[in-house]
């Protein structure tokens, strides 16, 4: 009787132990990744396509076996480009057990950086702010793209090399340069110091900055304010909607300047919104445009068709391969960390990301290298031009090769 009673007590206990063991095994084979996206806020003109691409990438990765056989559970939230909301969503994703976060904007990524670094949470963002590239200050912030400052330096250098020599005033005076961007936006203002430094290095005369809202649809007053300066070149630091409006107004008012654009303002919607004013515009392209003939682009296009067949291919943007860039490099880092037996935040960073040397993700991206002292993944970028109805490569600028001392000693972190 006594043995029978003991058995009755042991059976449910053993069942619970068994179930707990089974549950632990199941959890161990699932890796949680969080996402903080903007699909309704100030940058949703580019954020929607990025969010689509990110979800498609993780679905594809799971179909390829996930992380060495462990499946990914990707959970993302829209934060409407509001910093407090991003902080709230980060805390929630952390509580849900995420081992890494796919982030979005510069303001929220920089605001979260101290928390991310304290939590030792790899945070792979769509913000490519150079402020996030110095591991001494931001050891857990990463992205696959060359940073905004590198892209800006590359753009102005490409124009100086390829376009300025064909101008009538070449060798007669300094080229004149000015910047159009939203002063209060951390994203828009992030590379301004760097591009002005590069303009000075190349011998430009620098004119007055113009404050252009991310929501701007009419920028005639800003263009008129530049008339007396007569710029040869304008830098546009916003996203596609307001960049298109500024370029369109500059064309309509006869400003006569050429245009170079940060990567989030340079996509397939630019010629649709700016029309004939987009002809000849140059932009930073950390990845190729959707469907261009580069390694792994066929996978991106096929996945878009498979997972979101209701979205016309003609409406997809280069934001999709940009999302894939961040997902693919994170996947590779997790596979390396997992093989090393350390799928923790520090493991993903030290045994994953920081072991990469010239890692090729395709998609027209530069080969990626991360070290314990430098999280700039690349040393330059491809600059493309909208010309004769298509995007075409103008130059592939490698800043490290051209200015090795400045790259190594001066330009990290800004």
Protein backbone atom coordinates (compact mmCIF):
# COMPACT_ATOMS: atom_id res chain seq x y z
CA UNK A 1 0.00 0.00 0.00
CA UNK A 2 2.82 2.28 0.94
CA UNK A 3 4.63 1.48 -2.35
CA UNK A 4 1.40 2.06 -4.26
CA UNK A 5 0.96 5.50 -2.72
CA UNK A 6 4.56 6.41 -3.52
CA UNK A 7 4.01 5.28 -7.11
CA UNK A 8 0.87 7.42 -7.36
CA UNK A 9 2.88 10.43 -6.24
CA UNK A 10 5.81 9.67 -8.51
CA UNK A 11 3.83 9.23 -11.73
CA UNK A 12 2.60 12.84 -12.04
CA UNK A 13 5.97 14.10 -10.81
CA UNK A 14 7.82 12.10 -13.44
CA UNK A 15 5.33 13.25 -16.08
CA UNK A 16 6.03 16.88 -15.21
CA UNK A 17 9.78 16.25 -15.30
CA UNK A 18 9.41 14.58 -18.69
CA UNK A 19 7.34 17.42 -20.08
CA UNK A 20 9.73 20.00 -18.70
CA UNK A 21 12.61 18.20 -20.31
CA UNK A 22 10.76 17.98 -23.60
CA UNK A 23 9.83 21.65 -23.41
CA UNK A 24 13.41 22.66 -22.64
CA UNK A 25 14.62 20.65 -25.62
CA UNK A 26 12.03 22.30 -27.86
CA UNK A 27 12.96 25.76 -26.63
CA UNK A 28 16.66 25.00 -27.11
CA UNK A 29 15.98 24.30 -30.77
CA UNK A 30 14.21 27.64 -31.29
CA UNK A 31 16.16 30.90 -31.43
CA UNK A 32 14.22 34.09 -30.88
CA UNK A 33 15.02 37.20 -32.90
CA UNK A 34 13.24 40.52 -32.35
CA UNK A 35 12.46 43.29 -34.82
CA UNK A 36 11.68 47.00 -34.35
CA UNK A 37 10.41 48.44 -37.65
CA UNK A 38 8.80 51.63 -38.97
CA UNK A 39 5.78 50.91 -41.14
CA UNK A 40 3.58 53.87 -40.10
CA UNK A 41 5.94 56.68 -39.07
CA UNK A 42 8.08 59.40 -40.63
CA UNK A 43 10.31 56.94 -42.51
CA UNK A 44 7.65 54.43 -43.48
CA UNK A 45 8.11 55.42 -47.15
CA UNK A 46 11.22 53.23 -46.99
CA UNK A 47 10.43 51.24 -43.86
CA UNK A 48 7.50 49.23 -45.20
CA UNK A 49 9.53 47.51 -47.88
CA UNK A 50 12.39 46.89 -45.45
CA UNK A 51 10.00 45.22 -42.98
CA UNK A 52 8.64 42.99 -45.75
CA UNK A 53 12.15 42.00 -46.80
CA UNK A 54 13.23 41.25 -43.24
CA UNK A 55 10.31 38.88 -42.61
CA UNK A 56 10.91 37.18 -45.97
CA UNK A 57 14.59 36.69 -45.18
CA UNK A 58 13.94 34.93 -41.87
CA UNK A 59 11.35 32.66 -43.51
CA UNK A 60 13.89 31.70 -46.15
CA UNK A 61 16.57 31.15 -43.49
CA UNK A 62 14.27 28.77 -41.61
CA UNK A 63 13.64 26.84 -44.82
CA UNK A 64 17.41 26.43 -45.16
CA UNK A 65 17.58 24.82 -41.73
CA UNK A 66 17.82 27.89 -39.54
CA UNK A 67 20.92 28.07 -37.37
CA UNK A 68 22.56 24.66 -37.77
CA UNK A 69 19.18 22.96 -37.45
CA UNK A 70 17.72 25.33 -34.86
CA UNK A 71 14.67 27.23 -36.09
CA UNK A 72 14.29 31.01 -35.83
CA UNK A 73 11.23 32.62 -34.32
CA UNK A 74 11.17 36.18 -35.63
CA UNK A 75 8.83 38.58 -33.82
CA UNK A 76 8.64 42.21 -34.89
CA UNK A 77 6.72 45.35 -33.97
CA UNK A 78 6.01 48.66 -35.67
CA UNK A 79 7.11 51.55 -33.48
CA UNK A 80 6.01 54.41 -35.76
CA UNK A 81 9.45 56.06 -35.67
CA UNK A 82 8.91 57.15 -32.06
CA UNK A 83 11.88 56.74 -29.73
CA UNK A 84 9.86 56.05 -26.54
CA UNK A 85 7.90 53.37 -28.38
CA UNK A 86 11.13 51.78 -29.61
CA UNK A 87 12.40 51.58 -26.03
CA UNK A 88 9.12 49.94 -24.95
CA UNK A 89 9.26 47.43 -27.79
CA UNK A 90 12.90 46.60 -27.04
CA UNK A 91 12.08 45.81 -23.41
CA UNK A 92 9.22 43.57 -24.53
CA UNK A 93 11.38 41.70 -27.05
CA UNK A 94 14.03 41.20 -24.41
CA UNK A 95 11.44 39.73 -22.01
CA UNK A 96 10.30 37.41 -24.79
CA UNK A 97 13.80 35.94 -24.87
CA UNK A 98 15.32 37.48 -28.01
CA UNK A 99 19.04 36.82 -28.44
CA UNK A 100 19.43 39.59 -31.05
CA UNK A 101 17.40 42.54 -32.33
CA UNK A 102 16.91 43.81 -35.86
CA UNK A 103 16.51 47.56 -35.36
CA UNK A 104 15.61 50.55 -37.51
CA UNK A 105 16.16 54.29 -37.02
CA UNK A 106 19.16 56.32 -35.94
CA UNK A 107 17.48 58.25 -33.12
CA UNK A 108 16.09 55.16 -31.41
CA UNK A 109 19.15 53.01 -32.08
CA UNK A 110 21.47 55.61 -30.57
CA UNK A 111 19.06 56.14 -27.64
CA UNK A 112 18.96 52.39 -26.98
CA UNK A 113 22.70 51.88 -27.39
CA UNK A 114 23.65 52.21 -23.68
CA UNK A 115 20.91 49.71 -22.74
CA UNK A 116 21.81 47.32 -25.55
CA UNK A 117 25.46 47.38 -24.52
CA UNK A 118 24.60 46.84 -20.84
CA UNK A 119 22.36 43.90 -21.83
CA UNK A 120 25.02 42.56 -24.23
CA UNK A 121 22.33 42.28 -26.90
CA UNK A 122 23.54 42.26 -30.53
CA UNK A 123 21.55 45.05 -32.18
CA UNK A 124 21.70 44.96 -35.97
CA UNK A 125 20.10 48.13 -37.27
CA UNK A 126 18.95 49.78 -40.46
CA UNK A 127 20.61 52.87 -39.05
CA UNK A 128 24.08 53.06 -40.53
CA UNK A 129 25.20 55.95 -38.36
CA UNK A 130 28.97 56.09 -38.03
CA UNK A 131 28.42 56.93 -34.35
CA UNK A 132 27.64 53.21 -33.91
CA UNK A 133 30.87 51.85 -35.40
CA UNK A 134 33.38 52.29 -32.56
CA UNK A 135 33.27 49.21 -30.27
CA UNK A 136 34.86 51.21 -27.46
CA UNK A 137 31.61 53.19 -27.27
CA UNK A 138 28.98 50.91 -28.86
CA UNK A 139 30.26 47.30 -28.67
CA UNK A 140 26.92 45.63 -29.46
CA UNK A 141 25.74 47.83 -32.35
CA UNK A 142 26.18 46.54 -35.89
CA UNK A 143 24.90 46.77 -39.44
CA UNK A 144 25.92 45.19 -42.74
CA UNK A 145 26.16 48.40 -44.78
CA UNK A 146 28.94 50.89 -45.05
CA UNK A 147 28.02 53.70 -42.66
CA UNK A 148 26.35 56.98 -43.61
CA UNK A 149 29.57 58.96 -43.30
CA UNK A 150 31.45 56.53 -45.55
CA UNK A 151 28.57 56.62 -48.05
CA UNK A 152 28.49 60.44 -48.00
CA UNK A 153 32.24 60.70 -48.48
CA UNK A 154 32.01 58.21 -51.35
CA UNK A 155 29.19 60.11 -53.05
CA UNK A 156 30.86 63.51 -53.04
CA UNK A 157 34.15 61.93 -54.14
CA UNK A 158 32.44 60.13 -57.04
CA UNK A 159 30.87 63.40 -58.23
CA UNK A 160 34.19 65.24 -57.87
CA UNK A 161 35.98 62.52 -59.86
CA UNK A 162 33.39 61.80 -62.53
CA UNK A 163 31.18 64.88 -62.99
CA UNK A 164 33.11 68.00 -62.00
CA UNK A 165 35.82 67.63 -64.71
CA UNK A 166 33.09 67.88 -67.39
CA UNK A 167 31.76 71.21 -66.08
CA UNK A 168 32.56 74.48 -67.86
CA UNK A 169 34.12 76.02 -64.73
CA UNK A 170 36.43 73.10 -64.00
CA UNK A 171 39.94 74.36 -63.18
CA UNK A 172 38.59 77.93 -63.02
CA UNK A 173 37.13 77.95 -59.49
CA UNK A 174 36.20 75.73 -56.56
CA UNK A 175 33.02 73.67 -56.93
CA UNK A 176 30.20 74.95 -54.69
CA UNK A 177 28.40 72.57 -52.35
CA UNK A 178 25.44 72.70 -49.92
CA UNK A 179 23.40 70.25 -47.83
CA UNK A 180 19.62 69.74 -47.62
CA UNK A 181 18.41 67.65 -44.67
CA UNK A 182 16.23 67.74 -41.56
CA UNK A 183 18.34 69.41 -38.88
CA UNK A 184 16.44 67.77 -35.99
CA UNK A 185 16.65 64.24 -37.41
CA UNK A 186 19.51 62.12 -36.00
CA UNK A 187 19.47 60.08 -39.21
CA UNK A 188 19.58 63.03 -41.58
CA UNK A 189 22.22 64.93 -39.63
CA UNK A 190 24.47 61.93 -38.83
CA UNK A 191 26.92 62.28 -41.77
CA UNK A 192 26.90 66.08 -42.15
CA UNK A 193 30.18 66.64 -40.30
CA UNK A 194 31.83 63.92 -42.38
CA UNK A 195 30.62 65.10 -45.78
CA UNK A 196 31.66 68.68 -45.04
CA UNK A 197 35.05 67.39 -43.96
CA UNK A 198 35.29 65.51 -47.25
CA UNK A 199 34.18 68.60 -49.19
CA UNK A 200 36.96 70.59 -47.54
CA UNK A 201 39.46 67.81 -48.28
CA UNK A 202 38.49 67.88 -51.97
CA UNK A 203 38.53 71.67 -52.20
CA UNK A 204 34.83 72.64 -52.29
CA UNK A 205 33.34 75.95 -51.25
CA UNK A 206 30.60 75.12 -48.73
CA UNK A 207 27.32 77.05 -48.70
CA UNK A 208 24.43 77.33 -46.23
CA UNK A 209 22.61 74.22 -45.01
CA UNK A 210 18.88 74.03 -45.72
CA UNK A 211 16.45 72.55 -43.19
CA UNK A 212 14.08 70.18 -45.02
CA UNK A 213 11.52 68.15 -43.08
CA UNK A 214 11.21 64.41 -43.63
CA UNK A 215 7.56 65.16 -44.41
CA UNK A 216 8.28 67.99 -46.87
CA UNK A 217 6.27 68.12 -50.08
CA UNK A 218 7.14 71.74 -50.96
CA UNK A 219 10.73 72.96 -50.61
CA UNK A 220 10.67 76.04 -52.83
CA UNK A 221 11.70 78.38 -50.00
CA UNK A 222 14.82 76.30 -49.32
CA UNK A 223 15.74 76.25 -53.01
CA UNK A 224 15.25 80.01 -53.31
CA UNK A 225 17.54 80.48 -50.31
CA UNK A 226 20.32 78.77 -52.31
CA UNK A 227 19.89 80.83 -55.49
CA UNK A 228 22.54 83.44 -54.65
CA UNK A 229 25.09 80.82 -53.66
CA UNK A 230 24.63 78.99 -57.00
CA UNK A 231 25.66 75.51 -55.85
CA UNK A 232 27.10 73.01 -58.28
CA UNK A 233 26.14 70.14 -56.01
CA UNK A 234 23.55 69.41 -53.32
CA UNK A 235 23.65 66.63 -50.72
CA UNK A 236 20.25 65.22 -49.75
CA UNK A 237 20.13 63.48 -46.38
CA UNK A 238 16.43 62.61 -45.97
CA UNK A 239 14.30 59.69 -47.17
CA UNK A 240 12.88 59.33 -50.66
CA UNK A 241 9.65 61.32 -50.35
CA UNK A 242 11.16 64.64 -49.26
CA UNK A 243 14.33 64.12 -51.33
CA UNK A 244 12.16 63.77 -54.43
CA UNK A 245 10.28 66.97 -53.57
CA UNK A 246 13.54 68.91 -53.13
CA UNK A 247 15.04 67.66 -56.39
CA UNK A 248 11.80 68.38 -58.22
CA UNK A 249 11.64 71.95 -56.87
CA UNK A 250 15.32 72.58 -57.67
CA UNK A 251 14.65 71.51 -61.25
CA UNK A 252 11.49 73.60 -61.57
CA UNK A 253 13.16 76.72 -60.19
CA UNK A 254 16.25 76.35 -62.38
CA UNK A 255 18.81 75.99 -59.59
CA UNK A 256 21.15 74.15 -61.97
CA UNK A 257 22.79 71.97 -59.32
CA UNK A 258 23.63 68.29 -59.49
CA UNK A 259 22.43 66.02 -56.68
CA UNK A 260 23.93 63.30 -54.49
CA UNK A 261 21.71 61.36 -52.09
CA UNK A 262 22.13 59.25 -48.95
CA UNK A 263 21.04 55.64 -49.40
CA UNK A 264 17.59 55.97 -47.74
CA UNK A 265 16.66 58.69 -50.22
CA UNK A 266 17.83 56.84 -53.29
CA UNK A 267 15.58 54.05 -54.50
CA UNK A 268 13.19 52.98 -57.26
CA UNK A 269 10.58 55.51 -56.10
CA UNK A 270 12.88 58.49 -56.70
CA UNK A 271 12.35 58.68 -60.49
CA UNK A 272 8.65 57.90 -60.03
CA UNK A 273 8.23 60.86 -57.67
CA UNK A 274 10.77 63.32 -59.11
CA UNK A 275 10.11 62.56 -62.78
CA UNK A 276 12.53 64.09 -65.28
CA UNK A 277 14.24 65.97 -62.46
CA UNK A 278 15.76 62.65 -61.32
CA UNK A 279 17.89 62.34 -64.44
CA UNK A 280 21.57 62.30 -63.48
CA UNK A 281 21.03 62.02 -59.73
CA UNK A 282 23.76 60.06 -57.92
CA UNK A 283 23.26 58.03 -54.77
CA UNK A 284 24.96 55.72 -52.31
CA UNK A 285 23.97 52.10 -52.86
CA UNK A 286 25.18 49.79 -50.08
CA UNK A 287 23.29 47.03 -51.92
CA UNK A 288 21.99 46.64 -55.45
CA UNK A 289 18.50 47.61 -56.50
CA UNK A 290 15.76 44.99 -56.35
CA UNK A 291 16.24 42.55 -59.19
CA UNK A 292 19.64 43.80 -60.39
CA UNK A 293 22.00 41.04 -61.50
CA UNK A 294 24.10 40.42 -58.40
CA UNK A 295 24.88 37.30 -56.36
CA UNK A 296 21.93 36.07 -54.23
CA UNK A 297 19.49 38.59 -55.73
CA UNK A 298 17.63 35.70 -57.38
CA UNK A 299 16.89 34.32 -53.88
CA UNK A 300 15.59 37.70 -52.72
CA UNK A 301 13.29 38.05 -55.74
CA UNK A 302 12.02 34.45 -55.52
CA UNK A 303 11.30 34.85 -51.80
CA UNK A 304 9.36 38.07 -52.40
CA UNK A 305 7.21 36.24 -54.94
CA UNK A 306 6.74 33.24 -52.67
CA UNK A 307 5.99 34.89 -49.34
CA UNK A 308 4.23 38.08 -50.50
CA UNK A 309 2.68 37.28 -53.90
CA UNK A 310 0.10 40.02 -53.42
CA UNK A 311 2.76 42.74 -53.55
CA UNK A 312 3.63 43.55 -57.20
CA UNK A 313 7.30 43.05 -58.04
CA UNK A 314 7.26 46.47 -59.70
CA UNK A 315 6.54 48.04 -56.31
CA UNK A 316 9.45 46.39 -54.48
CA UNK A 317 12.45 48.56 -53.62
CA UNK A 318 16.12 48.14 -52.81
CA UNK A 319 14.98 48.25 -49.18
CA UNK A 320 14.20 44.55 -49.53
CA UNK A 321 17.81 43.51 -50.28
CA UNK A 322 18.95 45.96 -47.59
CA UNK A 323 16.89 44.03 -45.06
CA UNK A 324 18.33 40.79 -46.38
CA UNK A 325 21.82 42.18 -45.87
CA UNK A 326 21.24 42.64 -42.14
CA UNK A 327 19.49 39.27 -41.83
CA UNK A 328 22.15 37.32 -43.74
CA UNK A 329 25.06 38.70 -41.74
CA UNK A 330 23.21 38.00 -38.48
CA UNK A 331 22.46 34.45 -39.64
CA UNK A 332 26.13 33.87 -40.40
CA UNK A 333 27.19 35.28 -37.02
CA UNK A 334 24.74 33.01 -35.19
CA UNK A 335 25.88 29.93 -37.12
CA UNK A 336 29.49 30.63 -36.18
CA UNK A 337 28.61 31.29 -32.54
CA UNK A 338 26.47 28.16 -32.37
CA UNK A 339 29.29 26.00 -33.77
CA UNK A 340 31.51 27.47 -31.07
CA UNK A 341 28.90 26.44 -28.49
CA UNK A 342 28.07 29.97 -27.39
CA UNK A 343 24.78 31.32 -28.72
CA UNK A 344 24.66 34.13 -26.14
CA UNK A 345 24.92 37.83 -26.90
CA UNK A 346 28.67 37.93 -26.21
CA UNK A 347 29.10 34.68 -28.14
CA UNK A 348 27.24 35.97 -31.19
CA UNK A 349 29.39 39.09 -31.09
CA UNK A 350 32.85 37.70 -30.30
CA UNK A 351 32.60 34.25 -31.89
CA UNK A 352 30.30 35.34 -34.69
CA UNK A 353 30.43 38.87 -36.05
CA UNK A 354 33.96 39.72 -34.99
CA UNK A 355 35.40 36.62 -36.69
CA UNK A 356 34.27 37.77 -40.15
CA UNK A 357 36.93 38.85 -42.62
CA UNK A 358 35.82 39.91 -46.11
CA UNK A 359 32.63 37.86 -45.77
CA UNK A 360 30.60 38.02 -48.98
CA UNK A 361 26.81 38.20 -48.69
CA UNK A 362 26.37 39.13 -52.35
CA UNK A 363 23.56 41.57 -53.26
CA UNK A 364 26.11 44.12 -54.49
CA UNK A 365 27.32 44.76 -50.93
CA UNK A 366 30.96 45.27 -50.09
CA UNK A 367 32.70 42.31 -48.38
CA UNK A 368 32.17 42.54 -44.63
CA UNK A 369 34.79 42.67 -41.90
CA UNK A 370 34.20 43.26 -38.18
CA UNK A 371 36.91 43.36 -35.54
CA UNK A 372 36.97 43.97 -31.81
CA UNK A 373 38.24 47.50 -32.48
CA UNK A 374 36.28 48.50 -35.61
CA UNK A 375 32.67 47.76 -36.56
CA UNK A 376 32.78 49.57 -39.90
CA UNK A 377 31.89 46.61 -42.12
CA UNK A 378 33.28 48.04 -45.34
CA UNK A 379 35.63 50.74 -46.61
CA UNK A 380 33.55 52.23 -49.40
CA UNK A 381 30.49 51.77 -51.55
CA UNK A 382 29.13 51.67 -55.07
CA UNK A 383 27.71 54.98 -56.27
CA UNK A 384 24.98 54.67 -58.89
CA UNK A 385 23.21 57.15 -61.15
CA UNK A 386 19.66 57.31 -62.50
CA UNK A 387 20.27 57.77 -66.22
CA UNK A 388 18.27 56.95 -69.34
CA UNK A 389 15.58 55.12 -67.41
CA UNK A 390 17.74 52.88 -65.24
CA UNK A 391 20.20 52.83 -62.37
CA UNK A 392 23.82 52.49 -63.49
CA UNK A 393 27.07 52.17 -61.59
CA UNK A 394 29.22 55.30 -61.78
CA UNK A 395 32.03 54.49 -59.37
CA UNK A 396 33.11 52.10 -56.65
CA UNK A 397 34.86 54.31 -54.12
CA UNK A 398 37.19 52.68 -51.58
CA UNK A 399 38.08 55.31 -49.01
CA UNK A 400 40.61 53.18 -47.16
CA UNK A 401 42.67 52.64 -50.31
CA UNK A 402 42.57 56.32 -51.21
CA UNK A 403 43.11 57.83 -47.75
CA UNK A 404 44.55 54.99 -45.64
CA UNK A 405 45.88 57.16 -42.82
CA UNK A 406 42.65 59.09 -42.39
CA UNK A 407 40.63 55.87 -42.50
CA UNK A 408 42.72 54.21 -39.82
CA UNK A 409 43.44 57.16 -37.56
CA UNK A 410 40.72 59.80 -37.98
CA UNK A 411 37.38 58.66 -39.38
CA UNK A 412 36.19 55.92 -37.00
CA UNK A 413 33.02 56.77 -35.08
CA UNK A 414 31.84 59.92 -36.86
